[in-house]
Amino acid sequence: MRSTPPASPSAGPTYGNPPAARGISPGAFSAVSAPPSCRRFVVVAIRADVRYTGGHVTTADRFPMREYHVLNLGAGVQSSVLFLMANDGRFPCDLAVFADTGEEPAAVYRHLDWLRSLGTPPILIRSAGRLGDDLIRGCGPTRRFVSIPAFTLGEAGRVGRIPRQCTRTYKIDVVERAIRRDLLGLAPGRRCPPGVRVVQYFGISTDEAGRAARARKRFAEKQWTVPAYPLLDLGWTRRDCLTWLADRVPHPVPRSACVFCPFHDNAAWRDLRTVDPDGWARAVAIDEALRADGSACRRGFRQPLYLHRSCQPLAEIAFDALAPEPLDPMAGECHGMCGV
């Protein structure tokens, strides 16, 4: 049964103990690395199905290990809730990592600056490059590119979709690399030492729980890190999150996703065109580049590519005349942290 969002920061379940209670000052972790003096030892083993109740991890397996807590920060609604809970001391978090594709709406970057101004937990911003530029020019001497889930129009008007690689390269791998190098101090290629466990927190709400199930499969073979989903434990929807944020953030909290993400529904495209002219212009430019001669992302595709599922040029679509879509395409299909 879904719980009602707490009326104040002190209400509702507490995830872990405040930093001071754990013997760690709020500013102990810099935005670059975690000093050895701040690394703490706990007597607990964590499995992928772990749940947090009253600051304890429930599991039958126990042995000494070093434990870290990292928030996957998308700077959207759900992950902002978790960040503010951590800032209130209700949520154990040593570091938040924002994987920057270089293509977020302007409102997301403004909101991210506001979150950083709060001080804790420290936010580490890392990037694999600007996704749109890599789609057009490619990376390195071979002009390698990472595909986005663009639409294709085949014979007899059949609409298809190309494989998605962007989430792995520009989100998942970026966060994992930041954890291994910046938090744990591991050199490239080095294995995580025994006895170290990193709990990664994700802002996934009950109305998109399928994304958590897919992520759990991805974590199943990893011994050094496990996922945790506090909003699912609370039974919160995205609407609950918006209610909780209403009197805590002095501006509307945006949705995090690349401006040209093919998972946008019609309402998202229309809003982008209305409120973010620069973002809209970037989306139109990328849409046109998908079909332009010489673009790296055209290699290997005989059919033209489009950002919108109608397989029409983005600039020519009359979004005001289109009916709203009943389901959120991103919640149903995207495996990454976009949208949260």
C-alpha atoms as a PDB file:
ATOM      1  CA  MET A   1       0.000   0.000   0.000  1.00  0.00           C
ATOM      2  CA  ARG A   2       1.395   3.401  -0.955  1.00  0.00           C
ATOM      3  CA  SER A   3       2.308   5.739   1.859  1.00  0.00           C
ATOM      4  CA  THR A   4       1.399   9.423   1.995  1.00  0.00           C
ATOM      5  CA  PRO A   5       4.363  11.749   1.434  1.00  0.00           C
ATOM      6  CA  PRO A   6       5.662  13.047   4.801  1.00  0.00           C
ATOM      7  CA  ALA A   7       4.617  16.554   5.725  1.00  0.00           C
ATOM      8  CA  SER A   8       8.052  17.486   7.063  1.00  0.00           C
ATOM      9  CA  PRO A   9      11.657  16.329   6.667  1.00  0.00           C
ATOM     10  CA  SER A  10      11.486  14.614  10.063  1.00  0.00           C
ATOM     11  CA  ALA A  11       8.470  12.484   9.162  1.00  0.00           C
ATOM     12  CA  GLY A  12       8.461   9.128   7.445  1.00  0.00           C
ATOM     13  CA  PRO A  13      11.028   6.325   7.392  1.00  0.00           C
ATOM     14  CA  THR A  14      14.684   7.191   7.961  1.00  0.00           C
ATOM     15  CA  TYR A  15      17.191   5.598   5.603  1.00  0.00           C
ATOM     16  CA  GLY A  16      20.357   5.105   7.610  1.00  0.00           C
ATOM     17  CA  ASN A  17      21.688   7.447  10.253  1.00  0.00           C
ATOM     18  CA  PRO A  18      22.634  11.117   9.834  1.00  0.00           C
ATOM     19  CA  PRO A  19      26.316  11.683   8.953  1.00  0.00           C
ATOM     20  CA  ALA A  20      27.105  13.021  12.419  1.00  0.00           C
ATOM     21  CA  ALA A  21      25.592   9.926  14.032  1.00  0.00           C
ATOM     22  CA  ARG A  22      27.848   7.775  11.856  1.00  0.00           C
ATOM     23  CA  GLY A  23      30.913   9.736  12.964  1.00  0.00           C
ATOM     24  CA  ILE A  24      31.312  11.552   9.645  1.00  0.00           C
ATOM     25  CA  SER A  25      31.180  15.286   9.242  1.00  0.00           C
ATOM     26  CA  PRO A  26      28.881  16.513   6.444  1.00  0.00           C
ATOM     27  CA  GLY A  27      31.845  17.926   4.532  1.00  0.00           C
ATOM     28  CA  ALA A  28      34.170  14.975   5.033  1.00  0.00           C
ATOM     29  CA  PHE A  29      34.018  13.870   1.390  1.00  0.00           C
ATOM     30  CA  SER A  30      35.372  16.238  -1.209  1.00  0.00           C
ATOM     31  CA  ALA A  31      33.886  16.362  -4.695  1.00  0.00           C
ATOM     32  CA  VAL A  32      36.933  14.460  -5.973  1.00  0.00           C
ATOM     33  CA  SER A  33      37.702  11.586  -3.622  1.00  0.00           C
ATOM     34  CA  ALA A  34      36.929  10.045  -0.275  1.00  0.00           C
ATOM     35  CA  PRO A  35      39.867  10.291   2.151  1.00  0.00           C
ATOM     36  CA  PRO A  36      40.786   6.985   3.828  1.00  0.00           C
ATOM     37  CA  SER A  37      40.028   8.493   7.240  1.00  0.00           C
ATOM     38  CA  CYS A  38      36.384   8.865   6.197  1.00  0.00           C
ATOM     39  CA  ARG A  39      35.941   5.273   5.076  1.00  0.00           C
ATOM     40  CA  ARG A  40      33.888   3.387   7.591  1.00  0.00           C
ATOM     41  CA  PHE A  41      33.667  -0.273   8.505  1.00  0.00           C
ATOM     42  CA  VAL A  42      30.378  -2.025   9.096  1.00  0.00           C
ATOM     43  CA  VAL A  43      29.482  -5.619   9.851  1.00  0.00           C
ATOM     44  CA  VAL A  44      27.016  -6.430   7.122  1.00  0.00           C
ATOM     45  CA  ALA A  45      26.824  -8.088   3.749  1.00  0.00           C
ATOM     46  CA  ILE A  46      24.453  -6.613   1.186  1.00  0.00           C
ATOM     47  CA  ARG A  47      22.521  -8.475  -1.469  1.00  0.00           C
ATOM     48  CA  ALA A  48      20.788  -7.056  -4.513  1.00  0.00           C
ATOM     49  CA  ASP A  49      17.394  -7.463  -2.834  1.00  0.00           C
ATOM     50  CA  VAL A  50      18.432  -5.536   0.281  1.00  0.00           C
ATOM     51  CA  ARG A  51      15.903  -3.313   2.031  1.00  0.00           C
ATOM     52  CA  TYR A  52      16.670  -0.604   4.540  1.00  0.00           C
ATOM     53  CA  THR A  53      14.634  -0.321   7.731  1.00  0.00           C
ATOM     54  CA  GLY A  54      15.494   1.984  10.596  1.00  0.00           C
ATOM     55  CA  GLY A  55      19.104   2.390   9.539  1.00  0.00           C
ATOM     56  CA  HIS A  56      19.827  -1.355   9.388  1.00  0.00           C
ATOM     57  CA  VAL A  57      20.390  -3.658   6.447  1.00  0.00           C
ATOM     58  CA  THR A  58      18.356  -6.846   6.677  1.00  0.00           C
ATOM     59  CA  THR A  59      20.317  -9.837   5.470  1.00  0.00           C
ATOM     60  CA  ALA A  60      21.244 -13.236   6.802  1.00  0.00           C
ATOM     61  CA  ASP A  61      24.854 -13.031   5.615  1.00  0.00           C
ATOM     62  CA  ARG A  62      27.284 -11.059   7.800  1.00  0.00           C
ATOM     63  CA  PHE A  63      31.002 -10.377   7.533  1.00  0.00           C
ATOM     64  CA  PRO A  64      33.247  -7.295   7.936  1.00  0.00           C
ATOM     65  CA  MET A  65      33.349  -4.962   4.990  1.00  0.00           C
ATOM     66  CA  ARG A  66      33.835  -1.380   3.971  1.00  0.00           C
ATOM     67  CA  GLU A  67      30.624   0.284   2.823  1.00  0.00           C
ATOM     68  CA  TYR A  68      29.954   3.382   0.740  1.00  0.00           C
ATOM     69  CA  HIS A  69      26.703   5.048  -0.311  1.00  0.00           C
ATOM     70  CA  VAL A  70      26.368   6.777  -3.707  1.00  0.00           C
ATOM     71  CA  LEU A  71      23.365   8.508  -5.247  1.00  0.00           C
ATOM     72  CA  ASN A  72      22.843   8.293  -9.015  1.00  0.00           C
ATOM     73  CA  LEU A  73      21.738  11.903  -9.510  1.00  0.00           C
ATOM     74  CA  GLY A  74      19.760  12.688 -12.646  1.00  0.00           C
ATOM     75  CA  ALA A  75      18.717  16.125 -11.282  1.00  0.00           C
ATOM     76  CA  GLY A  76      15.104  15.326 -12.106  1.00  0.00           C
ATOM     77  CA  VAL A  77      12.160  14.919  -9.742  1.00  0.00           C
ATOM     78  CA  GLN A  78      12.778  11.556  -8.094  1.00  0.00           C
ATOM     79  CA  SER A  79      16.542  11.771  -7.636  1.00  0.00           C
ATOM     80  CA  SER A  80      16.143  15.320  -6.287  1.00  0.00           C
ATOM     81  CA  VAL A  81      13.907  13.910  -3.550  1.00  0.00           C
ATOM     82  CA  LEU A  82      16.669  11.505  -2.554  1.00  0.00           C
ATOM     83  CA  PHE A  83      19.285  14.254  -2.671  1.00  0.00           C
ATOM     84  CA  LEU A  84      17.246  16.480  -0.361  1.00  0.00           C
ATOM     85  CA  MET A  85      16.593  13.569   2.008  1.00  0.00           C
ATOM     86  CA  ALA A  86      20.355  13.062   2.166  1.00  0.00           C
ATOM     87  CA  ASN A  87      20.829  16.772   2.760  1.00  0.00           C
ATOM     88  CA  ASP A  88      18.342  16.520   5.644  1.00  0.00           C
ATOM     89  CA  GLY A  89      20.404  13.707   7.156  1.00  0.00           C
ATOM     90  CA  ARG A  90      17.694  11.111   6.558  1.00  0.00           C
ATOM     91  CA  PHE A  91      19.579   9.251   3.862  1.00  0.00           C
ATOM     92  CA  PRO A  92      23.162   7.897   3.976  1.00  0.00           C
ATOM     93  CA  CYS A  93      25.060   9.355   1.043  1.00  0.00           C
ATOM     94  CA  ASP A  94      28.785   9.921   0.725  1.00  0.00           C
ATOM     95  CA  LEU A  95      28.635  11.205  -2.825  1.00  0.00           C
ATOM     96  CA  ALA A  96      26.167  12.030  -5.603  1.00  0.00           C
ATOM     97  CA  VAL A  97      27.281  11.471  -9.203  1.00  0.00           C
ATOM     98  CA  PHE A  98      25.741  13.385 -12.104  1.00  0.00           C
ATOM     99  CA  ALA A  99      26.550  11.811 -15.480  1.00  0.00           C
ATOM    100  CA  ASP A 100      26.416  14.751 -17.871  1.00  0.00           C
ATOM    101  CA  THR A 101      25.602  14.017 -21.513  1.00  0.00           C
ATOM    102  CA  GLY A 102      26.056  17.705 -22.313  1.00  0.00           C
ATOM    103  CA  GLU A 103      22.537  17.713 -23.747  1.00  0.00           C
ATOM    104  CA  GLU A 104      20.201  18.357 -20.805  1.00  0.00           C
ATOM    105  CA  PRO A 105      17.611  21.150 -20.918  1.00  0.00           C
ATOM    106  CA  ALA A 106      18.728  24.482 -19.501  1.00  0.00           C
ATOM    107  CA  ALA A 107      16.343  24.043 -16.552  1.00  0.00           C
ATOM    108  CA  VAL A 108      18.144  20.867 -15.472  1.00  0.00           C
ATOM    109  CA  TYR A 109      21.515  22.624 -15.320  1.00  0.00           C
ATOM    110  CA  ARG A 110      20.001  25.507 -13.352  1.00  0.00           C
ATOM    111  CA  HIS A 111      18.437  23.044 -10.916  1.00  0.00           C
ATOM    112  CA  LEU A 112      21.727  21.165 -10.616  1.00  0.00           C
ATOM    113  CA  ASP A 113      23.471  24.417  -9.669  1.00  0.00           C
ATOM    114  CA  TRP A 114      20.846  24.956  -6.962  1.00  0.00           C
ATOM    115  CA  LEU A 115      21.393  21.461  -5.572  1.00  0.00           C
ATOM    116  CA  ARG A 116      25.145  22.045  -5.490  1.00  0.00           C
ATOM    117  CA  SER A 117      24.600  25.270  -3.564  1.00  0.00           C
ATOM    118  CA  LEU A 118      23.155  23.232  -0.678  1.00  0.00           C
ATOM    119  CA  GLY A 119      26.608  21.853   0.059  1.00  0.00           C
ATOM    120  CA  THR A 120      25.963  18.250   0.966  1.00  0.00           C
ATOM    121  CA  PRO A 121      26.126  15.601  -0.206  1.00  0.00           C
ATOM    122  CA  PRO A 122      28.938  16.604  -2.576  1.00  0.00           C
ATOM    123  CA  ILE A 123      28.057  16.300  -6.260  1.00  0.00           C
ATOM    124  CA  LEU A 124      30.608  14.891  -8.663  1.00  0.00           C
ATOM    125  CA  ILE A 125      29.962  15.811 -12.321  1.00  0.00           C
ATOM    126  CA  ARG A 126      31.507  13.483 -14.880  1.00  0.00           C
ATOM    127  CA  SER A 127      30.999  13.077 -18.632  1.00  0.00           C
ATOM    128  CA  ALA A 128      31.887  10.783 -21.518  1.00  0.00           C
ATOM    129  CA  GLY A 129      31.576  13.696 -23.953  1.00  0.00           C
ATOM    130  CA  ARG A 130      28.766  15.613 -25.613  1.00  0.00           C
ATOM    131  CA  LEU A 131      26.402  13.020 -27.013  1.00  0.00           C
ATOM    132  CA  GLY A 132      24.999  15.038 -29.919  1.00  0.00           C
ATOM    133  CA  ASP A 133      28.438  16.051 -31.193  1.00  0.00           C
ATOM    134  CA  ASP A 134      29.573  12.431 -31.045  1.00  0.00           C
ATOM    135  CA  LEU A 135      26.529  11.387 -33.078  1.00  0.00           C
ATOM    136  CA  ILE A 136      27.445  13.841 -35.826  1.00  0.00           C
ATOM    137  CA  ARG A 137      31.246  13.651 -35.890  1.00  0.00           C
ATOM    138  CA  GLY A 138      31.962  10.360 -34.168  1.00  0.00           C
ATOM    139  CA  CYS A 139      34.698   9.674 -31.614  1.00  0.00           C
ATOM    140  CA  GLY A 140      38.365   9.128 -32.376  1.00  0.00           C
ATOM    141  CA  PRO A 141      40.050   8.338 -35.663  1.00  0.00           C
ATOM    142  CA  THR A 142      37.478   5.672 -36.556  1.00  0.00           C
ATOM    143  CA  ARG A 143      34.593   8.116 -35.973  1.00  0.00           C
ATOM    144  CA  ARG A 144      32.936   5.599 -33.662  1.00  0.00           C
ATOM    145  CA  PHE A 145      29.488   6.609 -32.426  1.00  0.00           C
ATOM    146  CA  VAL A 146      27.027   5.371 -29.838  1.00  0.00           C
ATOM    147  CA  SER A 147      23.500   4.969 -31.146  1.00  0.00           C
ATOM    148  CA  ILE A 148      20.383   6.498 -29.644  1.00  0.00           C
ATOM    149  CA  PRO A 149      16.961   4.784 -29.926  1.00  0.00           C
ATOM    150  CA  ALA A 150      15.975   6.679 -33.060  1.00  0.00           C
ATOM    151  CA  PHE A 151      13.107   5.589 -35.289  1.00  0.00           C
ATOM    152  CA  THR A 152      13.363   4.199 -38.808  1.00  0.00           C
ATOM    153  CA  LEU A 153      10.834   4.062 -41.593  1.00  0.00           C
ATOM    154  CA  GLY A 154      11.066   0.865 -43.598  1.00  0.00           C
ATOM    155  CA  GLU A 155       9.275  -0.603 -46.525  1.00  0.00           C
ATOM    156  CA  ALA A 156       5.486  -0.388 -46.557  1.00  0.00           C
ATOM    157  CA  GLY A 157       5.684   2.374 -43.954  1.00  0.00           C
ATOM    158  CA  ARG A 158       6.741   0.070 -41.137  1.00  0.00           C
ATOM    159  CA  VAL A 159       8.252   1.965 -38.185  1.00  0.00           C
ATOM    160  CA  GLY A 160      11.241   0.453 -36.407  1.00  0.00           C
ATOM    161  CA  ARG A 161      13.764   1.504 -33.799  1.00  0.00           C
ATOM    162  CA  ILE A 162      17.531   1.105 -33.743  1.00  0.00           C
ATOM    163  CA  PRO A 163      19.379  -0.289 -30.703  1.00  0.00           C
ATOM    164  CA  ARG A 164      20.059   2.034 -27.783  1.00  0.00           C
ATOM    165  CA  GLN A 165      23.673   2.310 -26.585  1.00  0.00           C
ATOM    166  CA  CYS A 166      23.667   5.837 -25.160  1.00  0.00           C
ATOM    167  CA  THR A 167      22.430   4.932 -21.672  1.00  0.00           C
ATOM    168  CA  ARG A 168      25.259   2.496 -21.070  1.00  0.00           C
ATOM    169  CA  THR A 169      28.041   4.715 -22.431  1.00  0.00           C
ATOM    170  CA  TYR A 170      26.943   8.164 -21.260  1.00  0.00           C
ATOM    171  CA  LYS A 171      25.176   7.301 -17.983  1.00  0.00           C
ATOM    172  CA  ILE A 172      25.858   3.878 -16.460  1.00  0.00           C
ATOM    173  CA  ASP A 173      29.544   3.581 -17.357  1.00  0.00           C
ATOM    174  CA  VAL A 174      30.221   7.199 -16.369  1.00  0.00           C
ATOM    175  CA  VAL A 175      28.790   6.688 -12.864  1.00  0.00           C
ATOM    176  CA  GLU A 176      30.594   3.389 -12.380  1.00  0.00           C
ATOM    177  CA  ARG A 177      33.887   4.908 -13.525  1.00  0.00           C
ATOM    178  CA  ALA A 178      33.447   7.825 -11.112  1.00  0.00           C
ATOM    179  CA  ILE A 179      32.797   5.432  -8.227  1.00  0.00           C
ATOM    180  CA  ARG A 180      35.792   3.246  -9.012  1.00  0.00           C
ATOM    181  CA  ARG A 181      38.273   6.028  -9.725  1.00  0.00           C
ATOM    182  CA  ASP A 182      37.135   9.007  -7.675  1.00  0.00           C
ATOM    183  CA  LEU A 183      35.589   7.324  -4.648  1.00  0.00           C
ATOM    184  CA  LEU A 184      37.519   4.059  -4.362  1.00  0.00           C
ATOM    185  CA  GLY A 185      40.762   5.283  -5.934  1.00  0.00           C
ATOM    186  CA  LEU A 186      41.063   2.293  -8.280  1.00  0.00           C
ATOM    187  CA  ALA A 187      43.293   2.495 -11.329  1.00  0.00           C
ATOM    188  CA  PRO A 188      41.711   1.544 -14.686  1.00  0.00           C
ATOM    189  CA  GLY A 189      41.389  -2.210 -14.972  1.00  0.00           C
ATOM    190  CA  ARG A 190      41.882  -2.857 -11.261  1.00  0.00           C
ATOM    191  CA  ARG A 191      39.353  -5.033  -9.488  1.00  0.00           C
ATOM    192  CA  CYS A 192      37.496  -3.778  -6.467  1.00  0.00           C
ATOM    193  CA  PRO A 193      39.225  -5.303  -3.405  1.00  0.00           C
ATOM    194  CA  PRO A 194      37.378  -7.858  -1.261  1.00  0.00           C
ATOM    195  CA  GLY A 195      35.364  -6.454   1.596  1.00  0.00           C
ATOM    196  CA  VAL A 196      34.289  -3.289  -0.228  1.00  0.00           C
ATOM    197  CA  ARG A 197      30.640  -2.731  -1.088  1.00  0.00           C
ATOM    198  CA  VAL A 198      29.050   0.292  -2.755  1.00  0.00           C
ATOM    199  CA  VAL A 199      25.312   0.826  -2.364  1.00  0.00           C
ATOM    200  CA  GLN A 200      23.981   2.772  -5.334  1.00  0.00           C
ATOM    201  CA  TYR A 201      20.712   4.622  -4.746  1.00  0.00           C
ATOM    202  CA  PHE A 202      18.301   5.225  -7.611  1.00  0.00           C
ATOM    203  CA  GLY A 203      15.310   7.579  -7.698  1.00  0.00           C
ATOM    204  CA  ILE A 204      12.813   5.171  -9.217  1.00  0.00           C
ATOM    205  CA  SER A 205       9.190   5.506  -8.081  1.00  0.00           C
ATOM    206  CA  THR A 206       6.407   2.934  -8.052  1.00  0.00           C
ATOM    207  CA  ASP A 207       4.930   4.069 -11.369  1.00  0.00           C
ATOM    208  CA  GLU A 208       8.103   2.955 -13.152  1.00  0.00           C
ATOM    209  CA  ALA A 209       9.102  -0.028 -11.015  1.00  0.00           C
ATOM    210  CA  GLY A 210       9.910  -2.026 -14.131  1.00  0.00           C
ATOM    211  CA  ARG A 211      13.057   0.020 -14.535  1.00  0.00           C
ATOM    212  CA  ALA A 212      14.226  -1.199 -11.113  1.00  0.00           C
ATOM    213  CA  ALA A 213      13.642  -4.812 -12.119  1.00  0.00           C
ATOM    214  CA  ARG A 214      15.759  -4.353 -15.238  1.00  0.00           C
ATOM    215  CA  ALA A 215      18.515  -2.640 -13.257  1.00  0.00           C
ATOM    216  CA  ARG A 216      18.571  -5.470 -10.709  1.00  0.00           C
ATOM    217  CA  LYS A 217      19.398  -7.887 -13.521  1.00  0.00           C
ATOM    218  CA  ARG A 218      22.301  -5.659 -14.528  1.00  0.00           C
ATOM    219  CA  PHE A 219      23.658  -5.680 -10.962  1.00  0.00           C
ATOM    220  CA  ALA A 220      23.155  -9.404 -10.411  1.00  0.00           C
ATOM    221  CA  GLU A 221      26.672 -10.402 -11.476  1.00  0.00           C
ATOM    222  CA  LYS A 222      28.475  -7.551  -9.726  1.00  0.00           C
ATOM    223  CA  GLN A 223      30.012  -8.478  -6.384  1.00  0.00           C
ATOM    224  CA  TRP A 224      31.137  -5.025  -5.290  1.00  0.00           C
ATOM    225  CA  THR A 225      27.995  -2.941  -5.774  1.00  0.00           C
ATOM    226  CA  VAL A 226      24.254  -3.313  -5.226  1.00  0.00           C
ATOM    227  CA  PRO A 227      21.220  -1.151  -6.086  1.00  0.00           C
ATOM    228  CA  ALA A 228      18.740   0.304  -3.622  1.00  0.00           C
ATOM    229  CA  TYR A 229      15.384   1.988  -4.310  1.00  0.00           C
ATOM    230  CA  PRO A 230      14.146   4.036  -1.326  1.00  0.00           C
ATOM    231  CA  LEU A 231      11.143   5.458  -3.193  1.00  0.00           C
ATOM    232  CA  LEU A 232       9.896   1.949  -3.908  1.00  0.00           C
ATOM    233  CA  ASP A 233      10.306   1.076  -0.236  1.00  0.00           C
ATOM    234  CA  LEU A 234       8.274   4.161   0.651  1.00  0.00           C
ATOM    235  CA  GLY A 235       5.638   3.298  -1.947  1.00  0.00           C
ATOM    236  CA  TRP A 236       5.915   6.737  -3.544  1.00  0.00           C
ATOM    237  CA  THR A 237       4.803   7.690  -7.053  1.00  0.00           C
ATOM    238  CA  ARG A 238       6.220  10.546  -9.085  1.00  0.00           C
ATOM    239  CA  ARG A 239       3.239  12.636  -8.025  1.00  0.00           C
ATOM    240  CA  ASP A 240       4.085  11.962  -4.376  1.00  0.00           C
ATOM    241  CA  CYS A 241       7.584  13.196  -5.081  1.00  0.00           C
ATOM    242  CA  LEU A 242       6.268  16.399  -6.660  1.00  0.00           C
ATOM    243  CA  THR A 243       4.058  16.986  -3.620  1.00  0.00           C
ATOM    244  CA  TRP A 244       7.010  16.494  -1.271  1.00  0.00           C
ATOM    245  CA  LEU A 245       9.184  18.869  -3.293  1.00  0.00           C
ATOM    246  CA  ALA A 246       6.548  21.605  -3.601  1.00  0.00           C
ATOM    247  CA  ASP A 247       7.518  23.560  -0.469  1.00  0.00           C
ATOM    248  CA  ARG A 248      11.199  22.562  -0.461  1.00  0.00           C
ATOM    249  CA  VAL A 249      12.420  23.792  -3.847  1.00  0.00           C
ATOM    250  CA  PRO A 250      11.955  27.430  -4.917  1.00  0.00           C
ATOM    251  CA  HIS A 251      11.360  26.540  -8.568  1.00  0.00           C
ATOM    252  CA  PRO A 252       9.692  23.804 -10.631  1.00  0.00           C
ATOM    253  CA  VAL A 253      11.860  20.682 -10.660  1.00  0.00           C
ATOM    254  CA  PRO A 254      12.488  19.705 -14.312  1.00  0.00           C
ATOM    255  CA  ARG A 255      12.537  16.300 -15.898  1.00  0.00           C
ATOM    256  CA  SER A 256      16.023  15.091 -16.749  1.00  0.00           C
ATOM    257  CA  ALA A 257      16.609  13.769 -20.280  1.00  0.00           C
ATOM    258  CA  CYS A 258      18.550  14.842 -23.345  1.00  0.00           C
ATOM    259  CA  VAL A 259      16.727  17.504 -25.313  1.00  0.00           C
ATOM    260  CA  PHE A 260      16.658  15.178 -28.344  1.00  0.00           C
ATOM    261  CA  CYS A 261      15.753  11.949 -26.526  1.00  0.00           C
ATOM    262  CA  PRO A 262      13.515   9.822 -28.808  1.00  0.00           C
ATOM    263  CA  PHE A 263      11.635   8.650 -25.709  1.00  0.00           C
ATOM    264  CA  HIS A 264      10.003  12.089 -25.359  1.00  0.00           C
ATOM    265  CA  ASP A 265       6.239  11.984 -25.643  1.00  0.00           C
ATOM    266  CA  ASN A 266       4.327  14.630 -27.578  1.00  0.00           C
ATOM    267  CA  ALA A 267       3.782  16.796 -24.501  1.00  0.00           C
ATOM    268  CA  ALA A 268       7.519  16.813 -23.764  1.00  0.00           C
ATOM    269  CA  TRP A 269       8.368  17.854 -27.323  1.00  0.00           C
ATOM    270  CA  ARG A 270       5.760  20.616 -27.198  1.00  0.00           C
ATOM    271  CA  ASP A 271       7.025  21.890 -23.832  1.00  0.00           C
ATOM    272  CA  LEU A 272      10.625  21.864 -25.050  1.00  0.00           C
ATOM    273  CA  ARG A 273       9.672  23.951 -28.073  1.00  0.00           C
ATOM    274  CA  THR A 274       7.761  26.420 -25.864  1.00  0.00           C
ATOM    275  CA  VAL A 275      10.005  26.908 -22.821  1.00  0.00           C
ATOM    276  CA  ASP A 276      13.521  26.095 -24.050  1.00  0.00           C
ATOM    277  CA  PRO A 277      14.179  27.589 -27.507  1.00  0.00           C
ATOM    278  CA  ASP A 278      17.866  26.690 -27.411  1.00  0.00           C
ATOM    279  CA  GLY A 279      17.068  23.111 -26.433  1.00  0.00           C
ATOM    280  CA  TRP A 280      14.473  22.880 -29.190  1.00  0.00           C
ATOM    281  CA  ALA A 281      16.933  24.237 -31.761  1.00  0.00           C
ATOM    282  CA  ARG A 282      19.480  21.637 -30.644  1.00  0.00           C
ATOM    283  CA  ALA A 283      16.899  18.845 -30.971  1.00  0.00           C
ATOM    284  CA  VAL A 284      15.950  19.980 -34.480  1.00  0.00           C
ATOM    285  CA  ALA A 285      19.627  20.143 -35.455  1.00  0.00           C
ATOM    286  CA  ILE A 286      20.277  16.607 -34.211  1.00  0.00           C
ATOM    287  CA  ASP A 287      17.142  15.313 -35.933  1.00  0.00           C
ATOM    288  CA  GLU A 288      18.326  16.751 -39.232  1.00  0.00           C
ATOM    289  CA  ALA A 289      21.851  15.435 -38.659  1.00  0.00           C
ATOM    290  CA  LEU A 290      20.466  11.900 -38.330  1.00  0.00           C
ATOM    291  CA  ARG A 291      19.618  12.040 -42.042  1.00  0.00           C
ATOM    292  CA  ALA A 292      22.465  14.243 -43.258  1.00  0.00           C
ATOM    293  CA  ASP A 293      25.196  12.910 -45.525  1.00  0.00           C
ATOM    294  CA  GLY A 294      28.473  12.661 -43.639  1.00  0.00           C
ATOM    295  CA  SER A 295      27.012  12.208 -40.151  1.00  0.00           C
ATOM    296  CA  ALA A 296      28.745   9.411 -38.270  1.00  0.00           C
ATOM    297  CA  CYS A 297      25.441   8.054 -36.984  1.00  0.00           C
ATOM    298  CA  ARG A 298      24.233   7.288 -40.533  1.00  0.00           C
ATOM    299  CA  ARG A 299      26.880   4.654 -41.145  1.00  0.00           C
ATOM    300  CA  GLY A 300      25.378   1.217 -41.570  1.00  0.00           C
ATOM    301  CA  PHE A 301      21.787   2.417 -41.937  1.00  0.00           C
ATOM    302  CA  ARG A 302      20.059   2.366 -45.308  1.00  0.00           C
ATOM    303  CA  GLN A 303      16.826   3.805 -43.934  1.00  0.00           C
ATOM    304  CA  PRO A 304      16.473   7.418 -42.726  1.00  0.00           C
ATOM    305  CA  LEU A 305      16.480   8.040 -38.976  1.00  0.00           C
ATOM    306  CA  TYR A 306      14.100  10.277 -37.002  1.00  0.00           C
ATOM    307  CA  LEU A 307      13.719  11.433 -33.409  1.00  0.00           C
ATOM    308  CA  HIS A 308       9.906  11.290 -33.426  1.00  0.00           C
ATOM    309  CA  ARG A 309       7.960   8.043 -33.706  1.00  0.00           C
ATOM    310  CA  SER A 310       5.908   9.464 -36.587  1.00  0.00           C
ATOM    311  CA  CYS A 311       9.099   9.381 -38.713  1.00  0.00           C
ATOM    312  CA  GLN A 312       8.613  12.977 -39.741  1.00  0.00           C
ATOM    313  CA  PRO A 313      11.198  15.764 -39.452  1.00  0.00           C
ATOM    314  CA  LEU A 314      10.871  17.239 -35.977  1.00  0.00           C
ATOM    315  CA  ALA A 315      10.587  20.819 -37.222  1.00  0.00           C
ATOM    316  CA  GLU A 316       7.560  19.936 -39.382  1.00  0.00           C
ATOM    317  CA  ILE A 317       5.409  18.250 -36.729  1.00  0.00           C
ATOM    318  CA  ALA A 318       2.338  20.139 -35.451  1.00  0.00           C
ATOM    319  CA  PHE A 319       2.544  19.021 -31.820  1.00  0.00           C
ATOM    320  CA  ASP A 320      -0.398  21.199 -30.765  1.00  0.00           C
ATOM    321  CA  ALA A 321      -2.675  19.063 -32.916  1.00  0.00           C
ATOM    322  CA  LEU A 322      -1.430  15.724 -31.575  1.00  0.00           C
ATOM    323  CA  ALA A 323      -3.273  13.890 -28.826  1.00  0.00           C
ATOM    324  CA  PRO A 324      -1.369  13.187 -25.581  1.00  0.00           C
ATOM    325  CA  GLU A 325       0.078   9.713 -25.250  1.00  0.00           C
ATOM    326  CA  PRO A 326      -1.505   7.568 -22.526  1.00  0.00           C
ATOM    327  CA  LEU A 327       1.746   5.989 -21.320  1.00  0.00           C
ATOM    328  CA  ASP A 328       5.159   7.457 -20.606  1.00  0.00           C
ATOM    329  CA  PRO A 329       7.541   5.923 -23.202  1.00  0.00           C
ATOM    330  CA  MET A 330      10.580   6.579 -21.017  1.00  0.00           C
ATOM    331  CA  ALA A 331       9.229   4.782 -17.946  1.00  0.00           C
ATOM    332  CA  GLY A 332       8.227   1.796 -20.013  1.00  0.00           C
ATOM    333  CA  GLU A 333      11.351   1.409 -22.122  1.00  0.00           C
ATOM    334  CA  CYS A 334      14.395   3.318 -20.877  1.00  0.00           C
ATOM    335  CA  HIS A 335      16.842   1.283 -18.755  1.00  0.00           C
ATOM    336  CA  GLY A 336      18.910   4.240 -17.551  1.00  0.00           C
ATOM    337  CA  MET A 337      18.392   7.123 -15.151  1.00  0.00           C
ATOM    338  CA  CYS A 338      16.957   9.515 -17.706  1.00  0.00           C
ATOM    339  CA  GLY A 339      13.752  11.201 -16.631  1.00  0.00           C
ATOM    340  CA  VAL A 340      14.386  11.013 -12.893  1.00  0.00           C
END
